[in-house]
Amino acid sequence: MTLNVTSQAFENQHPIPVRYTEDGDDVSPPLAWSNLPQGTKEFALIVDDPDAPTDQPWVHWLIYKIPADAKALPEGLSAAPKLETPTGALQGENSWGTIGYRGPAPPKGHGVHHYHFKLYALDTPLSVNSGLDKPGLLQAMKNHILGQGELVGTYNR
């Protein structure tokens, strides 16, 4: 099943405003979702950049254990490993080796990069701690994904 993922800050396949990048305030953009599969117990979000000049996509944000009744993430979430809003949500390690959101920061002159905000609906609450890396989160979600959706934003320096 495909979830509908949107942002008030930018449209799918359009530029991410500077505010949400390393060149701006570097705060997480607001996100919302709909068309949820029945039986959803939790959500997880992975934001990465497959255009990065690295072997694997550059991870900008991992947030998981988002409660099933959450329909959005507000702008500017803290970099805390455990969040108060949404209640009980945890954050993982990005490619900088820090916790929380880090916005687009492609190498200057490298062209347009595409940032994939991938939301997963899960059929069970994950039994994990904060600080997971992307492979750890993908492993924890394995065989538990009911549906997913994606919003892609672009950025160029």
N, C-alpha and C. Protein backbone atom coordinates (compact mmCIF):
# COMPACT_ATOMS: atom_id res chain seq x y z
N MET A 1 0.85 -1.18 0.00
CA MET A 1 0.00 0.00 0.00
C MET A 1 0.89 1.24 0.00
N THR A 2 0.48 2.27 -0.73
CA THR A 2 1.25 3.50 -0.82
C THR A 2 0.65 4.58 0.07
N LEU A 3 1.48 5.09 0.98
CA LEU A 3 1.08 6.20 1.83
C LEU A 3 1.30 7.51 1.07
N ASN A 4 0.51 8.50 1.37
CA ASN A 4 0.67 9.83 0.78
C ASN A 4 1.47 10.69 1.77
N VAL A 5 2.67 11.09 1.40
CA VAL A 5 3.54 11.90 2.26
C VAL A 5 3.66 13.29 1.65
N THR A 6 3.39 14.32 2.46
CA THR A 6 3.42 15.70 1.98
C THR A 6 4.14 16.60 2.98
N SER A 7 4.44 17.81 2.52
CA SER A 7 5.00 18.84 3.39
C SER A 7 4.41 20.18 3.01
N GLN A 8 4.14 21.01 4.01
CA GLN A 8 3.70 22.38 3.74
C GLN A 8 4.87 23.22 3.22
N ALA A 9 6.09 22.73 3.38
CA ALA A 9 7.28 23.51 3.03
C ALA A 9 7.68 23.37 1.57
N PHE A 10 7.41 22.22 0.96
CA PHE A 10 7.80 22.01 -0.44
C PHE A 10 6.94 20.91 -1.05
N GLU A 11 6.83 20.95 -2.37
CA GLU A 11 6.07 19.94 -3.10
C GLU A 11 6.99 18.83 -3.58
N ASN A 12 6.41 17.68 -3.86
CA ASN A 12 7.17 16.55 -4.37
C ASN A 12 7.94 16.93 -5.63
N GLN A 13 9.20 16.55 -5.67
CA GLN A 13 10.11 16.80 -6.80
C GLN A 13 10.42 18.28 -7.01
N HIS A 14 10.22 19.10 -5.97
CA HIS A 14 10.53 20.52 -6.02
C HIS A 14 11.60 20.86 -4.99
N PRO A 15 12.22 22.05 -5.12
CA PRO A 15 13.30 22.43 -4.21
C PRO A 15 12.86 22.55 -2.75
N ILE A 16 13.74 22.09 -1.86
CA ILE A 16 13.56 22.26 -0.42
C ILE A 16 14.02 23.67 -0.08
N PRO A 17 13.21 24.45 0.62
CA PRO A 17 13.61 25.82 0.97
C PRO A 17 14.90 25.83 1.82
N VAL A 18 15.69 26.87 1.63
CA VAL A 18 16.99 27.01 2.30
C VAL A 18 16.85 26.85 3.81
N ARG A 19 15.74 27.29 4.39
CA ARG A 19 15.53 27.19 5.84
C ARG A 19 15.81 25.79 6.37
N TYR A 20 15.51 24.76 5.58
CA TYR A 20 15.61 23.37 6.02
C TYR A 20 16.94 22.72 5.62
N THR A 21 17.92 23.52 5.21
CA THR A 21 19.21 23.02 4.76
C THR A 21 20.33 23.53 5.66
N GLU A 22 21.52 22.99 5.43
CA GLU A 22 22.70 23.43 6.16
C GLU A 22 23.00 24.91 5.88
N ASP A 23 22.56 25.41 4.74
CA ASP A 23 22.78 26.82 4.38
C ASP A 23 21.80 27.76 5.07
N GLY A 24 20.79 27.20 5.71
CA GLY A 24 19.78 27.99 6.42
C GLY A 24 19.78 27.67 7.90
N ASP A 25 18.59 27.45 8.45
CA ASP A 25 18.44 27.16 9.88
C ASP A 25 18.66 25.69 10.22
N ASP A 26 18.72 24.83 9.19
CA ASP A 26 18.97 23.38 9.37
C ASP A 26 17.96 22.75 10.32
N VAL A 27 16.69 23.11 10.15
CA VAL A 27 15.61 22.53 10.96
C VAL A 27 14.82 21.54 10.09
N SER A 28 14.23 20.56 10.74
CA SER A 28 13.44 19.57 10.00
C SER A 28 12.17 20.22 9.46
N PRO A 29 11.79 19.84 8.24
CA PRO A 29 10.56 20.39 7.67
C PRO A 29 9.32 19.71 8.26
N PRO A 30 8.18 20.39 8.20
CA PRO A 30 6.94 19.73 8.62
C PRO A 30 6.56 18.67 7.60
N LEU A 31 6.06 17.55 8.09
CA LEU A 31 5.62 16.47 7.22
C LEU A 31 4.25 16.00 7.68
N ALA A 32 3.47 15.49 6.74
CA ALA A 32 2.16 14.93 7.05
C ALA A 32 1.96 13.71 6.17
N TRP A 33 1.06 12.82 6.59
CA TRP A 33 0.79 11.63 5.80
C TRP A 33 -0.66 11.19 5.95
N SER A 34 -1.09 10.45 4.92
CA SER A 34 -2.46 9.94 4.88
C SER A 34 -2.45 8.64 4.08
N ASN A 35 -3.64 8.05 3.90
CA ASN A 35 -3.82 6.78 3.20
C ASN A 35 -3.07 5.66 3.93
N LEU A 36 -3.39 5.53 5.22
CA LEU A 36 -2.67 4.59 6.08
C LEU A 36 -3.26 3.19 5.97
N PRO A 37 -2.38 2.18 5.94
CA PRO A 37 -2.89 0.82 5.90
C PRO A 37 -3.54 0.40 7.22
N GLN A 38 -4.58 -0.41 7.14
CA GLN A 38 -5.19 -0.96 8.35
C GLN A 38 -4.16 -1.81 9.08
N GLY A 39 -4.18 -1.76 10.40
CA GLY A 39 -3.26 -2.55 11.19
C GLY A 39 -1.95 -1.86 11.49
N THR A 40 -1.81 -0.58 11.08
CA THR A 40 -0.57 0.14 11.36
C THR A 40 -0.42 0.33 12.87
N LYS A 41 0.75 -0.07 13.39
CA LYS A 41 1.04 0.05 14.82
C LYS A 41 2.08 1.14 15.10
N GLU A 42 2.86 1.48 14.07
CA GLU A 42 3.94 2.45 14.24
C GLU A 42 4.42 2.90 12.87
N PHE A 43 5.12 4.04 12.86
CA PHE A 43 5.75 4.55 11.64
C PHE A 43 7.25 4.73 11.86
N ALA A 44 7.97 4.70 10.75
CA ALA A 44 9.39 5.02 10.76
C ALA A 44 9.67 5.87 9.52
N LEU A 45 10.63 6.78 9.65
CA LEU A 45 10.99 7.67 8.55
C LEU A 45 12.49 7.62 8.33
N ILE A 46 12.88 7.46 7.07
CA ILE A 46 14.29 7.53 6.68
C ILE A 46 14.41 8.61 5.62
N VAL A 47 15.32 9.55 5.83
CA VAL A 47 15.59 10.59 4.84
C VAL A 47 17.04 10.42 4.39
N ASP A 48 17.20 10.20 3.07
CA ASP A 48 18.57 10.06 2.57
C ASP A 48 18.73 10.67 1.19
N ASP A 49 19.98 10.76 0.77
CA ASP A 49 20.38 11.39 -0.49
C ASP A 49 21.18 10.39 -1.31
N PRO A 50 20.53 9.72 -2.28
CA PRO A 50 21.26 8.76 -3.11
C PRO A 50 22.21 9.42 -4.11
N ASP A 51 22.14 10.75 -4.27
CA ASP A 51 23.03 11.46 -5.20
C ASP A 51 24.37 11.83 -4.55
N ALA A 52 24.50 11.57 -3.26
CA ALA A 52 25.75 11.90 -2.56
C ALA A 52 26.91 11.12 -3.17
N PRO A 53 28.09 11.73 -3.21
CA PRO A 53 29.26 11.04 -3.78
C PRO A 53 29.88 10.06 -2.78
N THR A 54 29.06 9.12 -2.32
CA THR A 54 29.47 8.10 -1.35
C THR A 54 28.95 6.74 -1.84
N ASP A 55 29.50 5.67 -1.27
CA ASP A 55 29.08 4.32 -1.68
C ASP A 55 27.60 4.06 -1.40
N GLN A 56 27.12 4.57 -0.28
CA GLN A 56 25.72 4.39 0.12
C GLN A 56 25.04 5.76 0.16
N PRO A 57 23.71 5.81 0.02
CA PRO A 57 23.03 7.09 0.17
C PRO A 57 23.38 7.75 1.51
N TRP A 58 23.54 9.07 1.49
CA TRP A 58 23.88 9.83 2.70
C TRP A 58 22.62 9.98 3.53
N VAL A 59 22.67 9.54 4.78
CA VAL A 59 21.50 9.56 5.66
C VAL A 59 21.41 10.90 6.38
N HIS A 60 20.27 11.56 6.22
CA HIS A 60 20.03 12.86 6.86
C HIS A 60 19.18 12.76 8.11
N TRP A 61 18.35 11.71 8.21
CA TRP A 61 17.46 11.63 9.37
C TRP A 61 16.88 10.23 9.48
N LEU A 62 16.86 9.72 10.69
CA LEU A 62 16.15 8.49 11.03
C LEU A 62 15.28 8.80 12.22
N ILE A 63 13.99 8.59 12.09
CA ILE A 63 13.07 8.76 13.22
C ILE A 63 12.10 7.59 13.16
N TYR A 64 11.91 6.93 14.29
CA TYR A 64 11.12 5.71 14.32
C TYR A 64 10.38 5.62 15.66
N LYS A 65 9.56 4.57 15.78
CA LYS A 65 8.66 4.43 16.92
C LYS A 65 7.68 5.61 16.98
N ILE A 66 7.34 6.13 15.80
CA ILE A 66 6.33 7.18 15.70
C ILE A 66 4.98 6.49 15.91
N PRO A 67 4.18 6.95 16.88
CA PRO A 67 2.92 6.28 17.19
C PRO A 67 1.97 6.23 16.00
N ALA A 68 1.17 5.17 15.96
CA ALA A 68 0.24 4.95 14.85
C ALA A 68 -0.80 6.05 14.73
N ASP A 69 -1.10 6.75 15.83
CA ASP A 69 -2.11 7.82 15.75
C ASP A 69 -1.52 9.15 15.29
N ALA A 70 -0.21 9.22 15.10
CA ALA A 70 0.42 10.44 14.59
C ALA A 70 0.16 10.54 13.09
N LYS A 71 -0.23 11.72 12.66
CA LYS A 71 -0.49 11.94 11.23
C LYS A 71 0.46 12.97 10.63
N ALA A 72 1.43 13.43 11.48
CA ALA A 72 2.33 14.48 11.01
C ALA A 72 3.52 14.60 11.95
N LEU A 73 4.56 15.26 11.46
CA LEU A 73 5.69 15.69 12.27
C LEU A 73 5.78 17.20 12.15
N PRO A 74 5.89 17.92 13.27
CA PRO A 74 5.99 19.38 13.19
C PRO A 74 7.38 19.81 12.71
N GLU A 75 7.45 21.03 12.29
CA GLU A 75 8.73 21.62 11.89
C GLU A 75 9.65 21.73 13.10
N GLY A 76 10.94 21.57 12.85
CA GLY A 76 11.95 21.88 13.86
C GLY A 76 12.01 20.94 15.04
N LEU A 77 11.91 19.63 14.81
CA LEU A 77 12.05 18.69 15.93
C LEU A 77 13.46 18.77 16.52
N SER A 78 13.54 18.54 17.82
CA SER A 78 14.84 18.61 18.49
C SER A 78 15.72 17.44 18.06
N ALA A 79 16.99 17.52 18.41
CA ALA A 79 17.94 16.45 18.09
C ALA A 79 18.05 15.44 19.22
N ALA A 80 17.07 15.43 20.12
CA ALA A 80 17.09 14.49 21.25
C ALA A 80 16.91 13.06 20.75
N PRO A 81 17.56 12.10 21.38
CA PRO A 81 17.38 10.70 20.98
C PRO A 81 15.94 10.22 21.18
N LYS A 82 15.26 10.72 22.24
CA LYS A 82 13.86 10.38 22.50
C LYS A 82 13.06 11.67 22.50
N LEU A 83 11.98 11.69 21.72
CA LEU A 83 11.19 12.90 21.56
C LEU A 83 9.94 12.89 22.44
N GLU A 84 9.54 14.09 22.85
CA GLU A 84 8.26 14.23 23.56
C GLU A 84 7.11 14.32 22.57
N THR A 85 7.39 14.89 21.38
CA THR A 85 6.40 15.00 20.32
C THR A 85 7.04 14.53 19.02
N PRO A 86 6.50 13.52 18.38
CA PRO A 86 5.43 12.67 18.84
C PRO A 86 5.89 11.79 20.01
N THR A 87 4.98 11.51 20.90
CA THR A 87 5.27 10.79 22.13
C THR A 87 5.97 9.46 21.87
N GLY A 88 7.14 9.30 22.47
CA GLY A 88 7.87 8.03 22.39
C GLY A 88 8.70 7.82 21.15
N ALA A 89 8.65 8.74 20.20
CA ALA A 89 9.44 8.58 18.98
C ALA A 89 10.93 8.65 19.32
N LEU A 90 11.71 7.86 18.61
CA LEU A 90 13.16 7.81 18.80
C LEU A 90 13.85 8.24 17.52
N GLN A 91 15.07 8.75 17.67
CA GLN A 91 15.85 9.15 16.51
C GLN A 91 17.14 8.35 16.45
N GLY A 92 17.58 8.14 15.22
CA GLY A 92 18.79 7.37 14.99
C GLY A 92 19.94 8.23 14.51
N GLU A 93 21.01 7.54 14.17
CA GLU A 93 22.26 8.20 13.77
C GLU A 93 22.27 8.49 12.27
N ASN A 94 22.58 9.74 11.94
CA ASN A 94 22.70 10.13 10.54
C ASN A 94 24.14 9.88 10.07
N SER A 95 24.43 10.21 8.81
CA SER A 95 25.75 9.95 8.26
C SER A 95 26.84 10.87 8.82
N TRP A 96 26.46 11.91 9.54
CA TRP A 96 27.44 12.76 10.22
C TRP A 96 27.89 12.13 11.54
N GLY A 97 27.15 11.07 11.96
CA GLY A 97 27.44 10.44 13.24
C GLY A 97 26.75 11.13 14.40
N THR A 98 25.74 11.95 14.10
CA THR A 98 24.99 12.63 15.14
C THR A 98 23.54 12.12 15.12
N ILE A 99 22.77 12.53 16.12
CA ILE A 99 21.37 12.13 16.23
C ILE A 99 20.49 13.29 15.76
N GLY A 100 19.41 12.95 15.07
CA GLY A 100 18.45 13.96 14.65
C GLY A 100 18.65 14.38 13.21
N TYR A 101 17.85 15.36 12.83
CA TYR A 101 17.82 15.86 11.44
C TYR A 101 19.04 16.69 11.12
N ARG A 102 19.59 16.45 9.95
CA ARG A 102 20.60 17.32 9.35
C ARG A 102 20.15 17.54 7.91
N GLY A 103 20.04 18.80 7.52
CA GLY A 103 19.47 19.12 6.23
C GLY A 103 20.42 18.96 5.07
N PRO A 104 19.89 19.18 3.86
CA PRO A 104 20.69 19.07 2.65
C PRO A 104 21.95 19.93 2.72
N ALA A 105 23.05 19.33 2.26
CA ALA A 105 24.35 20.00 2.24
C ALA A 105 25.21 19.37 1.14
N PRO A 106 24.71 19.37 -0.11
CA PRO A 106 25.49 18.71 -1.16
C PRO A 106 26.78 19.49 -1.44
N PRO A 107 27.79 18.79 -1.95
CA PRO A 107 29.02 19.50 -2.31
C PRO A 107 28.71 20.60 -3.33
N LYS A 108 29.32 21.75 -3.14
CA LYS A 108 29.11 22.87 -4.07
C LYS A 108 29.52 22.45 -5.48
N GLY A 109 28.66 22.76 -6.44
CA GLY A 109 28.93 22.44 -7.83
C GLY A 109 28.66 21.00 -8.21
N HIS A 110 28.05 20.22 -7.33
CA HIS A 110 27.80 18.80 -7.58
C HIS A 110 26.47 18.56 -8.30
N GLY A 111 25.72 19.61 -8.53
CA GLY A 111 24.44 19.47 -9.22
C GLY A 111 23.29 19.28 -8.25
N VAL A 112 22.13 19.01 -8.82
CA VAL A 112 20.91 18.84 -8.03
C VAL A 112 20.95 17.49 -7.32
N HIS A 113 20.67 17.52 -6.02
CA HIS A 113 20.54 16.30 -5.24
C HIS A 113 19.07 16.08 -4.90
N HIS A 114 18.69 14.83 -4.76
CA HIS A 114 17.32 14.44 -4.46
C HIS A 114 17.27 13.83 -3.07
N TYR A 115 16.42 14.39 -2.21
CA TYR A 115 16.31 13.96 -0.82
C TYR A 115 15.01 13.20 -0.66
N HIS A 116 15.13 11.92 -0.34
CA HIS A 116 13.99 11.01 -0.25
C HIS A 116 13.52 10.90 1.19
N PHE A 117 12.32 11.38 1.47
CA PHE A 117 11.68 11.28 2.76
C PHE A 117 10.77 10.05 2.67
N LYS A 118 11.25 8.91 3.15
CA LYS A 118 10.54 7.63 3.02
C LYS A 118 9.88 7.27 4.35
N LEU A 119 8.56 7.19 4.31
CA LEU A 119 7.78 6.84 5.50
C LEU A 119 7.29 5.40 5.38
N TYR A 120 7.46 4.65 6.46
CA TYR A 120 7.06 3.25 6.50
C TYR A 120 5.98 3.04 7.56
N ALA A 121 4.90 2.35 7.20
CA ALA A 121 3.87 1.93 8.14
C ALA A 121 4.22 0.51 8.56
N LEU A 122 4.27 0.27 9.87
CA LEU A 122 4.72 -1.01 10.39
C LEU A 122 3.58 -1.74 11.10
N ASP A 123 3.61 -3.07 11.04
CA ASP A 123 2.55 -3.88 11.62
C ASP A 123 2.78 -4.23 13.09
N THR A 124 3.89 -3.74 13.66
CA THR A 124 4.20 -4.03 15.06
C THR A 124 5.06 -2.90 15.61
N PRO A 125 4.97 -2.65 16.91
CA PRO A 125 5.90 -1.69 17.51
C PRO A 125 7.30 -2.30 17.51
N LEU A 126 8.28 -1.51 17.12
CA LEU A 126 9.67 -2.01 17.09
C LEU A 126 10.22 -2.09 18.51
N SER A 127 10.98 -3.13 18.78
CA SER A 127 11.68 -3.29 20.06
C SER A 127 13.13 -2.87 19.85
N VAL A 128 13.35 -1.56 19.85
CA VAL A 128 14.68 -1.01 19.57
C VAL A 128 14.95 0.19 20.48
N ASN A 129 16.20 0.59 20.52
CA ASN A 129 16.62 1.77 21.27
C ASN A 129 16.90 2.92 20.32
N SER A 130 17.10 4.10 20.85
CA SER A 130 17.51 5.24 20.03
C SER A 130 18.93 5.00 19.55
N GLY A 131 19.32 5.74 18.54
CA GLY A 131 20.69 5.67 18.05
C GLY A 131 20.95 4.64 16.97
N LEU A 132 19.89 3.98 16.47
CA LEU A 132 20.10 3.02 15.39
C LEU A 132 20.68 3.71 14.16
N ASP A 133 21.46 2.98 13.38
CA ASP A 133 21.87 3.48 12.08
C ASP A 133 20.89 2.92 11.04
N LYS A 134 21.02 3.34 9.79
CA LYS A 134 20.05 2.92 8.77
C LYS A 134 20.01 1.40 8.59
N PRO A 135 21.15 0.70 8.49
CA PRO A 135 21.05 -0.76 8.37
C PRO A 135 20.35 -1.40 9.57
N GLY A 136 20.59 -0.89 10.76
CA GLY A 136 19.93 -1.44 11.95
C GLY A 136 18.43 -1.22 11.92
N LEU A 137 18.01 -0.04 11.48
CA LEU A 137 16.58 0.25 11.39
C LEU A 137 15.93 -0.61 10.31
N LEU A 138 16.57 -0.72 9.16
CA LEU A 138 16.01 -1.56 8.10
C LEU A 138 15.88 -3.00 8.56
N GLN A 139 16.86 -3.50 9.29
CA GLN A 139 16.79 -4.87 9.81
C GLN A 139 15.62 -5.02 10.79
N ALA A 140 15.45 -4.03 11.67
CA ALA A 140 14.36 -4.09 12.66
C ALA A 140 13.00 -4.07 11.97
N MET A 141 12.89 -3.36 10.84
CA MET A 141 11.61 -3.25 10.12
C MET A 141 11.34 -4.44 9.20
N LYS A 142 12.34 -5.23 8.93
CA LYS A 142 12.22 -6.34 7.98
C LYS A 142 11.01 -7.21 8.32
N ASN A 143 10.21 -7.49 7.30
CA ASN A 143 9.00 -8.31 7.41
C ASN A 143 7.88 -7.66 8.22
N HIS A 144 8.00 -6.35 8.51
CA HIS A 144 6.95 -5.67 9.27
C HIS A 144 6.38 -4.46 8.54
N ILE A 145 6.74 -4.25 7.29
CA ILE A 145 6.29 -3.08 6.53
C ILE A 145 4.95 -3.38 5.85
N LEU A 146 3.93 -2.63 6.28
CA LEU A 146 2.59 -2.77 5.68
C LEU A 146 2.44 -1.90 4.44
N GLY A 147 3.15 -0.79 4.42
CA GLY A 147 3.06 0.14 3.31
C GLY A 147 4.12 1.20 3.47
N GLN A 148 4.35 1.95 2.41
CA GLN A 148 5.31 3.04 2.48
C GLN A 148 4.94 4.13 1.49
N GLY A 149 5.49 5.29 1.73
CA GLY A 149 5.27 6.42 0.85
C GLY A 149 6.52 7.26 0.83
N GLU A 150 6.60 8.15 -0.15
CA GLU A 150 7.82 8.92 -0.32
C GLU A 150 7.53 10.32 -0.83
N LEU A 151 8.25 11.26 -0.28
CA LEU A 151 8.25 12.65 -0.74
C LEU A 151 9.69 12.95 -1.11
N VAL A 152 9.91 13.49 -2.30
CA VAL A 152 11.27 13.80 -2.75
C VAL A 152 11.40 15.31 -2.93
N GLY A 153 12.39 15.86 -2.23
CA GLY A 153 12.73 17.27 -2.38
C GLY A 153 14.11 17.39 -3.01
N THR A 154 14.36 18.49 -3.68
CA THR A 154 15.65 18.68 -4.33
C THR A 154 16.39 19.86 -3.69
N TYR A 155 17.70 19.87 -3.89
CA TYR A 155 18.51 20.99 -3.43
C TYR A 155 19.79 21.03 -4.23
N ASN A 156 20.26 22.23 -4.52
CA ASN A 156 21.46 22.44 -5.32
C ASN A 156 22.21 23.64 -4.77
N ARG A 157 23.51 23.55 -4.69
CA ARG A 157 24.33 24.68 -4.24
C ARG A 157 25.05 25.29 -5.44
